[in-house]
C-alpha atoms as a PDB file:
ATOM      1  CA  MET A   1      13.014  -5.692  -0.565  1.00  0.00           C
ATOM      2  CA  LEU A   2      11.091  -6.549   2.591  1.00  0.00           C
ATOM      3  CA  LYS A   3      12.665  -5.405   5.838  1.00  0.00           C
ATOM      4  CA  THR A   4      11.701  -6.705   9.241  1.00  0.00           C
ATOM      5  CA  GLY A   5      12.711  -6.202  12.824  1.00  0.00           C
ATOM      6  CA  TRP A   6      12.848  -3.118  14.932  1.00  0.00           C
ATOM      7  CA  ILE A   7      13.115  -0.664  12.016  1.00  0.00           C
ATOM      8  CA  LEU A   8       9.785  -1.804  10.583  1.00  0.00           C
ATOM      9  CA  SER A   9       8.199  -1.788  14.034  1.00  0.00           C
ATOM     10  CA  ALA A  10       9.423   1.737  14.718  1.00  0.00           C
ATOM     11  CA  LEU A  11       8.334   2.986  11.301  1.00  0.00           C
ATOM     12  CA  PHE A  12       4.951   1.327  11.602  1.00  0.00           C
ATOM     13  CA  THR A  13       4.314   2.851  15.024  1.00  0.00           C
ATOM     14  CA  LEU A  14       5.358   6.260  13.746  1.00  0.00           C
ATOM     15  CA  PHE A  15       3.178   6.075  10.649  1.00  0.00           C
ATOM     16  CA  VAL A  16       0.107   4.738  12.405  1.00  0.00           C
ATOM     17  CA  LEU A  17       0.332   7.820  14.609  1.00  0.00           C
ATOM     18  CA  LEU A  18       1.146  10.287  11.828  1.00  0.00           C
ATOM     19  CA  PHE A  19      -0.844   8.798   8.949  1.00  0.00           C
ATOM     20  CA  PRO A  20      -3.933   6.917  10.128  1.00  0.00           C
ATOM     21  CA  VAL A  21      -4.800   4.297   7.503  1.00  0.00           C
ATOM     22  CA  GLN A  22      -8.465   5.131   7.233  1.00  0.00           C
ATOM     23  CA  ALA A  23      -7.831   8.868   7.115  1.00  0.00           C
ATOM     24  CA  MET A  24      -5.232   8.662   4.341  1.00  0.00           C
ATOM     25  CA  ALA A  25      -7.476   6.353   2.340  1.00  0.00           C
ATOM     26  CA  GLN A  26     -10.153   9.046   2.551  1.00  0.00           C
ATOM     27  CA  GLY A  27      -8.629  12.553   2.494  1.00  0.00           C
ATOM     28  CA  VAL A  28      -9.342  15.022  -0.273  1.00  0.00           C
ATOM     29  CA  VAL A  29      -8.563  14.012  -3.848  1.00  0.00           C
ATOM     30  CA  THR A  30      -6.227  16.695  -5.204  1.00  0.00           C
ATOM     31  CA  ALA A  31      -5.193  14.985  -8.478  1.00  0.00           C
ATOM     32  CA  LYS A  32      -5.622  11.792 -10.510  1.00  0.00           C
ATOM     33  CA  TYR A  33      -2.920   9.834 -12.299  1.00  0.00           C
ATOM     34  CA  GLY A  34      -4.402   6.928 -14.249  1.00  0.00           C
ATOM     35  CA  GLU A  35      -6.218   4.804 -11.635  1.00  0.00           C
ATOM     36  CA  TRP A  36      -4.237   6.448  -8.806  1.00  0.00           C
ATOM     37  CA  GLU A  37      -5.521   9.347  -6.718  1.00  0.00           C
ATOM     38  CA  MET A  38      -3.444  11.840  -4.774  1.00  0.00           C
ATOM     39  CA  ARG A  39      -5.264  12.261  -1.467  1.00  0.00           C
ATOM     40  CA  CYS A  40      -4.240  14.947   1.004  1.00  0.00           C
ATOM     41  CA  GLU A  41      -5.270  16.143   4.438  1.00  0.00           C
ATOM     42  CA  THR A  42      -3.909  17.853   7.497  1.00  0.00           C
ATOM     43  CA  PRO A  43      -4.112  15.399  10.418  1.00  0.00           C
ATOM     44  CA  THR A  44      -5.076  16.699  13.836  1.00  0.00           C
ATOM     45  CA  GLY A  45      -2.051  18.341  15.443  1.00  0.00           C
ATOM     46  CA  ALA A  46      -0.017  18.405  12.216  1.00  0.00           C
ATOM     47  CA  GLN A  47       1.265  21.704  10.862  1.00  0.00           C
ATOM     48  CA  THR A  48       1.450  20.680   7.227  1.00  0.00           C
ATOM     49  CA  GLN A  49      -0.715  18.843   4.765  1.00  0.00           C
ATOM     50  CA  GLN A  50       0.233  15.204   4.193  1.00  0.00           C
ATOM     51  CA  CYS A  51      -0.463  13.393   0.953  1.00  0.00           C
ATOM     52  CA  ALA A  52      -0.510   9.818  -0.307  1.00  0.00           C
ATOM     53  CA  LEU A  53      -0.958   8.100  -3.644  1.00  0.00           C
ATOM     54  CA  VAL A  54      -3.972   5.775  -3.272  1.00  0.00           C
ATOM     55  CA  GLN A  55      -5.723   3.115  -5.350  1.00  0.00           C
ATOM     56  CA  SER A  56      -8.597   0.847  -4.321  1.00  0.00           C
ATOM     57  CA  VAL A  57      -9.215  -2.411  -6.184  1.00  0.00           C
ATOM     58  CA  ALA A  58     -11.303  -5.568  -5.862  1.00  0.00           C
ATOM     59  CA  ALA A  59     -10.796  -9.122  -7.099  1.00  0.00           C
ATOM     60  CA  GLU A  60     -12.597  -9.604 -10.402  1.00  0.00           C
ATOM     61  CA  ASP A  61     -14.339 -12.810  -9.302  1.00  0.00           C
ATOM     62  CA  LYS A  62     -14.787 -11.846  -5.615  1.00  0.00           C
ATOM     63  CA  PRO A  63     -15.921  -8.207  -5.314  1.00  0.00           C
ATOM     64  CA  ASN A  64     -15.934  -8.435  -1.505  1.00  0.00           C
ATOM     65  CA  LEU A  65     -12.176  -9.170  -1.609  1.00  0.00           C
ATOM     66  CA  ASN A  66     -10.676  -5.713  -1.980  1.00  0.00           C
ATOM     67  CA  LEU A  67      -7.496  -3.790  -1.250  1.00  0.00           C
ATOM     68  CA  VAL A  68      -6.511  -0.211  -0.620  1.00  0.00           C
ATOM     69  CA  VAL A  69      -2.923   0.504  -1.663  1.00  0.00           C
ATOM     70  CA  ILE A  70      -1.356   3.627  -0.162  1.00  0.00           C
ATOM     71  CA  ILE A  71       2.058   5.045  -1.133  1.00  0.00           C
ATOM     72  CA  LEU A  72       3.458   7.725   1.163  1.00  0.00           C
ATOM     73  CA  LYS A  73       6.692   9.335   2.249  1.00  0.00           C
ATOM     74  CA  THR A  74       8.161   8.654   5.669  1.00  0.00           C
ATOM     75  CA  ALA A  75       8.166  11.516   8.174  1.00  0.00           C
ATOM     76  CA  ASP A  76      11.826  12.271   7.441  1.00  0.00           C
ATOM     77  CA  GLY A  77      11.066  12.411   3.698  1.00  0.00           C
ATOM     78  CA  LYS A  78      13.924  10.023   2.891  1.00  0.00           C
ATOM     79  CA  SER A  79      11.937   6.837   2.211  1.00  0.00           C
ATOM     80  CA  HIS A  80       8.580   5.676   0.905  1.00  0.00           C
ATOM     81  CA  LEU A  81       6.174   3.112   2.284  1.00  0.00           C
ATOM     82  CA  MET A  82       3.622   0.987   0.528  1.00  0.00           C
ATOM     83  CA  ARG A  83       0.793   0.281   2.920  1.00  0.00           C
ATOM     84  CA  VAL A  84      -1.775  -2.277   1.766  1.00  0.00           C
ATOM     85  CA  VAL A  85      -5.052  -2.657   3.639  1.00  0.00           C
ATOM     86  CA  ALA A  86      -6.647  -6.070   3.030  1.00  0.00           C
ATOM     87  CA  PRO A  87     -10.074  -7.184   4.273  1.00  0.00           C
ATOM     88  CA  LEU A  88     -10.514  -9.041   7.522  1.00  0.00           C
ATOM     89  CA  GLY A  89     -10.520 -12.808   7.100  1.00  0.00           C
ATOM     90  CA  VAL A  90      -7.232 -13.132   5.213  1.00  0.00           C
ATOM     91  CA  LEU A  91      -4.791 -15.801   6.368  1.00  0.00           C
ATOM     92  CA  LEU A  92      -2.236 -13.727   8.273  1.00  0.00           C
ATOM     93  CA  PRO A  93       0.724 -16.178   8.401  1.00  0.00           C
ATOM     94  CA  SER A  94       0.792 -16.403   4.596  1.00  0.00           C
ATOM     95  CA  GLY A  95       1.308 -12.666   4.258  1.00  0.00           C
ATOM     96  CA  LEU A  96       0.617 -10.650   1.140  1.00  0.00           C
ATOM     97  CA  GLY A  97       2.237 -11.749  -2.115  1.00  0.00           C
ATOM     98  CA  LEU A  98       3.250  -9.329  -4.850  1.00  0.00           C
ATOM     99  CA  LYS A  99       4.002  -9.847  -8.537  1.00  0.00           C
ATOM    100  CA  ILE A 100       4.778  -7.058 -10.961  1.00  0.00           C
ATOM    101  CA  ASP A 101       3.862  -8.135 -14.461  1.00  0.00           C
ATOM    102  CA  GLU A 102       5.217 -11.721 -14.421  1.00  0.00           C
ATOM    103  CA  THR A 103       7.987 -11.166 -11.846  1.00  0.00           C
ATOM    104  CA  ASP A 104       7.508 -12.489  -8.311  1.00  0.00           C
ATOM    105  CA  VAL A 105       8.607  -9.670  -6.005  1.00  0.00           C
ATOM    106  CA  GLY A 106       8.050 -11.456  -2.682  1.00  0.00           C
ATOM    107  CA  ARG A 107       5.763 -11.383   0.326  1.00  0.00           C
ATOM    108  CA  ALA A 108       5.121  -8.876   3.067  1.00  0.00           C
ATOM    109  CA  GLY A 109       3.815  -9.804   6.476  1.00  0.00           C
ATOM    110  CA  PHE A 110       0.766  -8.235   8.007  1.00  0.00           C
ATOM    111  CA  VAL A 111       1.707  -5.930  10.860  1.00  0.00           C
ATOM    112  CA  THR A 112      -1.689  -5.239  12.406  1.00  0.00           C
ATOM    113  CA  CYS A 113      -5.427  -5.609  11.926  1.00  0.00           C
ATOM    114  CA  LEU A 114      -7.837  -2.743  12.475  1.00  0.00           C
ATOM    115  CA  ARG A 115     -11.609  -2.519  12.192  1.00  0.00           C
ATOM    116  CA  THR A 116     -11.164  -1.572   8.539  1.00  0.00           C
ATOM    117  CA  GLY A 117      -8.870  -4.492   7.638  1.00  0.00           C
ATOM    118  CA  CYS A 118      -5.401  -5.936   8.033  1.00  0.00           C
ATOM    119  CA  VAL A 119      -2.352  -3.873   7.127  1.00  0.00           C
ATOM    120  CA  ALA A 120       0.840  -4.981   5.382  1.00  0.00           C
ATOM    121  CA  GLU A 121       3.682  -2.498   5.009  1.00  0.00           C
ATOM    122  CA  ILE A 122       6.673  -2.496   2.721  1.00  0.00           C
ATOM    123  CA  VAL A 123       9.580  -0.071   2.924  1.00  0.00           C
ATOM    124  CA  MET A 124      10.073   0.676  -0.762  1.00  0.00           C
ATOM    125  CA  ASP A 125      13.608   0.345  -2.101  1.00  0.00           C
ATOM    126  CA  ASP A 126      14.886   1.665  -5.446  1.00  0.00           C
ATOM    127  CA  LYS A 127      14.425  -1.718  -7.141  1.00  0.00           C
ATOM    128  CA  LEU A 128      10.737  -1.950  -6.181  1.00  0.00           C
ATOM    129  CA  ILE A 129      10.107   1.677  -7.135  1.00  0.00           C
ATOM    130  CA  GLY A 130      11.701   1.009 -10.543  1.00  0.00           C
ATOM    131  CA  GLN A 131       9.567  -2.097 -11.060  1.00  0.00           C
ATOM    132  CA  LEU A 132       6.413  -0.132 -10.206  1.00  0.00           C
ATOM    133  CA  ARG A 133       7.433   2.754 -12.486  1.00  0.00           C
ATOM    134  CA  HIS A 134       8.020   0.498 -15.488  1.00  0.00           C
ATOM    135  CA  GLY A 135       5.432  -2.230 -14.891  1.00  0.00           C
ATOM    136  CA  LYS A 136       1.935  -2.460 -16.308  1.00  0.00           C
ATOM    137  CA  THR A 137       0.202  -4.460 -13.540  1.00  0.00           C
ATOM    138  CA  ALA A 138       0.934  -5.268  -9.915  1.00  0.00           C
ATOM    139  CA  THR A 139      -0.859  -8.362  -8.653  1.00  0.00           C
ATOM    140  CA  PHE A 140      -1.348  -8.685  -4.912  1.00  0.00           C
ATOM    141  CA  ILE A 141      -1.989 -12.223  -3.709  1.00  0.00           C
ATOM    142  CA  LEU A 142      -4.208 -12.706  -0.655  1.00  0.00           C
ATOM    143  CA  PHE A 143      -4.613 -16.079   0.997  1.00  0.00           C
ATOM    144  CA  GLN A 144      -7.827 -17.235   2.639  1.00  0.00           C
ATOM    145  CA  THR A 145      -6.482 -20.775   3.121  1.00  0.00           C
ATOM    146  CA  PRO A 146      -2.871 -22.029   2.815  1.00  0.00           C
ATOM    147  CA  GLU A 147      -3.683 -23.511  -0.606  1.00  0.00           C
ATOM    148  CA  GLN A 148      -5.947 -20.778  -1.971  1.00  0.00           C
ATOM    149  CA  GLY A 149      -4.344 -17.527  -3.080  1.00  0.00           C
ATOM    150  CA  THR A 150      -6.418 -14.944  -4.907  1.00  0.00           C
ATOM    151  CA  GLY A 151      -4.642 -12.476  -7.182  1.00  0.00           C
ATOM    152  CA  ILE A 152      -5.946  -8.934  -7.246  1.00  0.00           C
ATOM    153  CA  PRO A 153      -4.568  -6.907 -10.162  1.00  0.00           C
ATOM    154  CA  LEU A 154      -3.732  -3.241  -9.741  1.00  0.00           C
ATOM    155  CA  ALA A 155      -3.107  -0.947 -12.726  1.00  0.00           C
ATOM    156  CA  LEU A 156       0.268   0.778 -12.596  1.00  0.00           C
ATOM    157  CA  ALA A 157      -0.582   3.342 -15.291  1.00  0.00           C
ATOM    158  CA  GLY A 158      -0.084   6.767 -13.718  1.00  0.00           C
ATOM    159  CA  PHE A 159       2.060   5.491 -10.842  1.00  0.00           C
ATOM    160  CA  ASP A 160       5.196   7.122 -12.248  1.00  0.00           C
ATOM    161  CA  GLN A 161       3.610  10.568 -12.532  1.00  0.00           C
ATOM    162  CA  GLY A 162       1.821  10.332  -9.179  1.00  0.00           C
ATOM    163  CA  TYR A 163       4.920   9.103  -7.373  1.00  0.00           C
ATOM    164  CA  ASP A 164       6.928  12.034  -8.714  1.00  0.00           C
ATOM    165  CA  LYS A 165       4.278  14.467  -7.425  1.00  0.00           C
ATOM    166  CA  LEU A 166       4.220  13.169  -3.837  1.00  0.00           C
ATOM    167  CA  PRO A 167       5.060  16.219  -1.724  1.00  0.00           C
END
């Protein structure tokens, strides 16, 4: 599921330029699907509107520990990315864990930190998309120490409909 190397680096560079994290997390809400929002905007210099499926969540017992999950199409329209923005202060070497319902999906490394938080990116394959479509809850695990992982649940209700509507 998780790809590394030059492909991820190239994609990340391209998407940071085309889809700024903070901008896509803001944008204009054009539709809602369960807890997911479709947010769209036309970035400076772009000729077309670009949209992403976005959900913001916080840990139940630590409200200052929050995530923004952004699903968007790649510039060529052939793939999808899941970009997760975690707060500053997470343990970077441990990466970001993901479980869908009770299935451990794996970990994604953080690729950069910005003023707004640290970013992990996952190139979404068909298996992951299927798990997200049919799951009830995705739990992202953030580490603040090597021994202490905090699970942050994300509702998947509406993901299927929102994903299908991504332009």
